[in-house]
Amino acid sequence: MRILLIEDDTILGAAVRDHVAAEGHSVDWVTRLDDASAHLDAAGYDLALLDLMLPDGRGIPFLRELRRKGSVLPVIVLTAMDRISDRIEGLNAGADDYLVKPFDLAELSARLAAVARRYCGNPNPLIDLGALSVDLAARAVFRDGRAVDLTAREWALFEALLQRPGQVLSKAQLEERLYSFGSEVESNTIEAHVSRLRKKLGPGAVETLRGLGYRLGTGE
């Protein structure tokens, strides 16, 4: 996923960014709401992590304005405000989840995955795809019952296709999901990842539509 992190605490922000990026997601980190708005206007994100107290304003009005404009971007609130009334306000403003600081990074990963599954229309973390069995929650893939070891980038690319079965994702769309602003992306990076996925998961795991992009295959 491509994730926008809106957090002004430099220590927490760095920890969250590094953790989420290590899991194969693309992360853009900003510390102000005006920068967050600029990023949302410039790129397509799959999810946002939103602190509620930023140097240039509060996260709740920002979230309400997003929803007023019709945005369906999944948003998980990250905040030290732990009163029940604060949680209710955040959820009523349009948050999809609410995580109170300090939190465990593994719990953040689980909540990210759960929200993403709900938005792609499949809350079930278990998927059967021909000879492949996929556990989205555990980020695990099995081929004919044997575990397949995927790198973080390989998993991120495969997950992007799993979340949109039947849809064609262009090379540019996949690059945007895997890499943040300023990252150097070689011209054949996506092709190389797809080639390795086919070797590990089977030649039919990812289909190529020449001139258009890639989509999830049958797994055969």
Protein backbone atom coordinates (compact mmCIF):
# COMPACT_ATOMS: atom_id res chain seq x y z
CA MET A 1 0.00 0.00 0.00
CA ARG A 2 0.98 3.62 -0.37
CA ILE A 3 0.51 5.25 3.02
CA LEU A 4 0.54 8.89 4.10
CA LEU A 5 1.84 9.34 7.65
CA ILE A 6 0.80 12.64 9.27
CA GLU A 7 2.74 12.87 12.54
CA ASP A 8 4.87 15.66 14.04
CA ASP A 9 6.62 13.57 16.71
CA THR A 10 9.95 12.89 15.01
CA ILE A 11 10.86 9.84 17.10
CA LEU A 12 7.48 8.13 16.72
CA GLY A 13 7.17 9.21 13.10
CA ALA A 14 10.54 7.71 12.20
CA ALA A 15 9.72 4.47 14.01
CA VAL A 16 6.35 4.11 12.27
CA ARG A 17 7.78 5.03 8.87
CA ASP A 18 10.64 2.56 9.14
CA HIS A 19 8.42 -0.23 10.45
CA VAL A 20 5.74 0.16 7.79
CA ALA A 21 8.32 0.57 5.02
CA ALA A 22 10.10 -2.59 6.17
CA GLU A 23 6.87 -4.47 5.54
CA GLY A 24 7.00 -3.42 1.90
CA HIS A 25 4.66 -0.45 1.95
CA SER A 26 5.44 2.94 0.44
CA VAL A 27 5.37 5.66 3.10
CA ASP A 28 5.34 9.45 2.71
CA TRP A 29 5.76 11.25 6.04
CA VAL A 30 4.65 14.82 6.70
CA THR A 31 4.48 16.78 9.95
CA ARG A 32 1.88 19.42 9.04
CA LEU A 33 -1.70 19.36 7.79
CA ASP A 34 -1.00 21.76 4.92
CA ASP A 35 1.70 19.41 3.67
CA ALA A 36 -0.72 16.49 4.06
CA SER A 37 -3.27 18.28 1.88
CA ALA A 38 -0.63 18.92 -0.78
CA HIS A 39 0.41 15.27 -0.81
CA LEU A 40 -3.19 14.06 -1.06
CA ASP A 41 -3.75 16.37 -4.02
CA ALA A 42 -0.58 15.14 -5.74
CA ALA A 43 -0.74 11.36 -5.29
CA GLY A 44 -3.13 8.48 -4.79
CA TYR A 45 -2.90 6.92 -1.33
CA ASP A 46 -4.36 3.69 -0.03
CA LEU A 47 -4.47 4.76 3.63
CA ALA A 48 -3.54 7.61 5.97
CA LEU A 49 -2.21 7.54 9.53
CA LEU A 50 -3.33 10.75 11.22
CA ASP A 51 -2.15 12.35 14.44
CA LEU A 52 -4.75 14.65 16.02
CA MET A 53 -2.50 17.44 17.28
CA LEU A 54 -0.33 19.00 14.55
CA PRO A 55 1.60 22.29 14.57
CA ASP A 56 -0.85 23.94 12.17
CA GLY A 57 -4.13 22.55 13.49
CA ARG A 58 -6.16 19.60 14.78
CA GLY A 59 -6.65 16.39 12.91
CA ILE A 60 -10.41 16.10 13.52
CA PRO A 61 -11.44 19.15 11.42
CA PHE A 62 -8.99 17.99 8.75
CA LEU A 63 -10.63 14.56 8.71
CA ARG A 64 -14.13 16.04 8.64
CA GLU A 65 -13.17 18.18 5.65
CA LEU A 66 -11.79 15.12 3.85
CA ARG A 67 -15.10 13.32 4.32
CA ARG A 68 -17.11 16.42 3.39
CA LYS A 69 -15.28 16.48 0.05
CA GLY A 70 -16.30 12.87 -0.53
CA SER A 71 -12.95 11.23 0.18
CA VAL A 72 -13.21 7.55 1.09
CA LEU A 73 -9.51 7.26 1.96
CA PRO A 74 -9.11 4.87 4.91
CA VAL A 75 -7.84 6.78 7.94
CA ILE A 76 -6.40 5.41 11.17
CA VAL A 77 -6.02 7.95 13.95
CA LEU A 78 -2.82 7.80 16.02
CA THR A 79 -3.07 9.91 19.16
CA ALA A 80 -2.32 10.24 22.85
CA MET A 81 -5.88 11.46 23.45
CA ASP A 82 -7.35 8.39 25.11
CA ARG A 83 -10.68 9.53 26.56
CA ILE A 84 -13.79 7.72 25.36
CA SER A 85 -15.19 11.06 24.18
CA ASP A 86 -12.05 11.60 22.05
CA ARG A 87 -12.44 8.19 20.45
CA ILE A 88 -16.11 8.79 19.73
CA GLU A 89 -15.32 12.17 18.17
CA GLY A 90 -12.64 10.64 15.96
CA LEU A 91 -14.83 7.78 14.77
CA ASN A 92 -17.79 10.08 14.18
CA ALA A 93 -15.56 12.39 12.15
CA GLY A 94 -14.88 9.52 9.75
CA ALA A 95 -11.90 7.59 11.16
CA ASP A 96 -11.80 3.89 10.36
CA ASP A 97 -9.80 2.99 13.45
CA TYR A 98 -8.33 4.70 16.51
CA LEU A 99 -4.99 3.72 18.02
CA VAL A 100 -3.86 5.27 21.30
CA LYS A 101 -0.20 6.10 21.91
CA PRO A 102 1.97 4.43 23.00
CA PHE A 103 1.13 1.43 20.84
CA ASP A 104 2.90 -1.68 19.69
CA LEU A 105 4.08 -1.54 16.09
CA ALA A 106 2.87 -5.10 15.51
CA GLU A 107 -0.64 -3.99 16.49
CA LEU A 108 -0.40 -1.12 14.03
CA SER A 109 0.49 -3.61 11.29
CA ALA A 110 -2.53 -5.74 12.15
CA ARG A 111 -4.87 -2.75 12.09
CA LEU A 112 -3.45 -1.55 8.78
CA ALA A 113 -4.11 -4.95 7.25
CA ALA A 114 -7.63 -5.18 8.72
CA VAL A 115 -8.68 -1.76 7.42
CA ALA A 116 -7.18 -2.51 4.00
CA ARG A 117 -9.12 -5.79 3.78
CA ARG A 118 -12.39 -4.06 4.61
CA TYR A 119 -11.86 -1.47 1.90
CA CYS A 120 -11.03 -4.04 -0.76
CA GLY A 121 -14.28 -5.83 0.03
CA ASN A 122 -12.79 -8.98 1.51
CA PRO A 123 -12.57 -8.96 5.32
CA ASN A 124 -11.59 -12.64 5.24
CA PRO A 125 -7.79 -12.84 5.61
CA LEU A 126 -7.68 -16.31 3.97
CA ILE A 127 -7.68 -16.58 0.18
CA ASP A 128 -7.44 -19.69 -2.01
CA LEU A 129 -6.03 -19.14 -5.47
CA GLY A 130 -5.54 -22.40 -7.33
CA ALA A 131 -2.49 -24.08 -5.85
CA LEU A 132 -1.89 -21.03 -3.65
CA SER A 133 -3.23 -20.34 -0.18
CA VAL A 134 -2.76 -16.82 1.13
CA ASP A 135 -3.09 -15.60 4.72
CA LEU A 136 -3.28 -11.82 4.50
CA ALA A 137 -3.17 -11.34 8.26
CA ALA A 138 0.00 -13.40 8.66
CA ARG A 139 1.42 -12.15 5.34
CA ALA A 140 2.05 -15.77 4.39
CA VAL A 141 1.75 -17.65 1.10
CA PHE A 142 1.67 -21.41 0.61
CA ARG A 143 2.06 -23.24 -2.70
CA ASP A 144 0.76 -26.81 -2.66
CA GLY A 145 0.92 -26.62 1.13
CA ARG A 146 4.53 -25.44 1.29
CA ALA A 147 5.44 -22.02 2.60
CA VAL A 148 6.81 -19.56 0.04
CA ASP A 149 9.32 -16.95 1.20
CA LEU A 150 8.58 -13.55 -0.33
CA THR A 151 10.60 -10.38 0.15
CA ALA A 152 8.82 -7.29 1.46
CA ARG A 153 8.59 -5.76 -2.03
CA GLU A 154 7.39 -9.02 -3.59
CA TRP A 155 4.69 -9.31 -0.96
CA ALA A 156 3.63 -5.68 -1.42
CA LEU A 157 3.26 -6.14 -5.18
CA PHE A 158 1.36 -9.42 -4.81
CA GLU A 159 -0.89 -7.89 -2.12
CA ALA A 160 -1.70 -4.96 -4.43
CA LEU A 161 -2.96 -7.42 -7.05
CA LEU A 162 -4.82 -9.52 -4.45
CA GLN A 163 -6.71 -6.45 -3.29
CA ARG A 164 -8.00 -5.80 -6.81
CA PRO A 165 -8.83 -9.17 -8.36
CA GLY A 166 -9.77 -8.87 -12.01
CA GLN A 167 -8.44 -5.33 -12.29
CA VAL A 168 -5.44 -4.37 -14.37
CA LEU A 169 -2.80 -2.28 -12.57
CA SER A 170 -0.39 -0.38 -14.77
CA LYS A 171 3.33 -0.40 -14.15
CA ALA A 172 3.08 3.23 -12.98
CA GLN A 173 0.32 2.35 -10.50
CA LEU A 174 2.38 -0.46 -9.03
CA GLU A 175 5.46 1.75 -8.78
CA GLU A 176 3.39 4.38 -6.97
CA ARG A 177 2.14 1.81 -4.48
CA LEU A 178 5.62 0.44 -3.78
CA TYR A 179 7.75 3.58 -3.68
CA SER A 180 7.48 6.92 -1.88
CA PHE A 181 8.26 10.40 -3.21
CA GLY A 182 11.90 10.84 -4.11
CA SER A 183 12.68 7.13 -4.43
CA GLU A 184 14.87 6.07 -7.31
CA VAL A 185 12.98 3.44 -9.31
CA GLU A 186 14.78 1.61 -12.10
CA SER A 187 12.86 1.12 -15.33
CA ASN A 188 12.66 -2.67 -15.02
CA THR A 189 11.97 -2.90 -11.27
CA ILE A 190 8.35 -4.04 -11.57
CA GLU A 191 9.19 -6.53 -14.32
CA ALA A 192 11.93 -8.01 -12.13
CA HIS A 193 9.55 -8.38 -9.14
CA VAL A 194 6.89 -10.00 -11.33
CA SER A 195 9.43 -12.44 -12.76
CA ARG A 196 10.51 -13.51 -9.28
CA LEU A 197 6.89 -13.87 -8.15
CA ARG A 198 6.16 -16.20 -11.06
CA LYS A 199 9.17 -18.34 -10.21
CA LYS A 200 8.06 -18.64 -6.59
CA LEU A 201 4.27 -18.82 -6.99
CA GLY A 202 3.86 -20.32 -10.43
CA PRO A 203 3.79 -18.86 -13.94
CA GLY A 204 0.06 -18.11 -13.74
CA ALA A 205 0.17 -16.16 -10.48
CA VAL A 206 0.51 -12.83 -12.27
CA GLU A 207 -0.85 -12.13 -15.75
CA THR A 208 0.72 -9.59 -18.10
CA LEU A 209 -1.52 -7.61 -20.44
CA ARG A 210 0.88 -6.19 -22.96
CA GLY A 211 0.77 -2.41 -23.09
CA LEU A 212 -1.67 -2.23 -20.16
CA GLY A 213 -0.13 -3.74 -17.05
CA TYR A 214 -0.63 -6.66 -14.70
CA ARG A 215 -3.45 -8.44 -12.90
CA LEU A 216 -3.90 -11.31 -10.50
CA GLY A 217 -3.79 -14.69 -12.22
CA THR A 218 -5.32 -18.04 -11.38
CA GLY A 219 -2.35 -19.27 -9.42
CA GLU A 220 -1.84 -22.23 -11.76
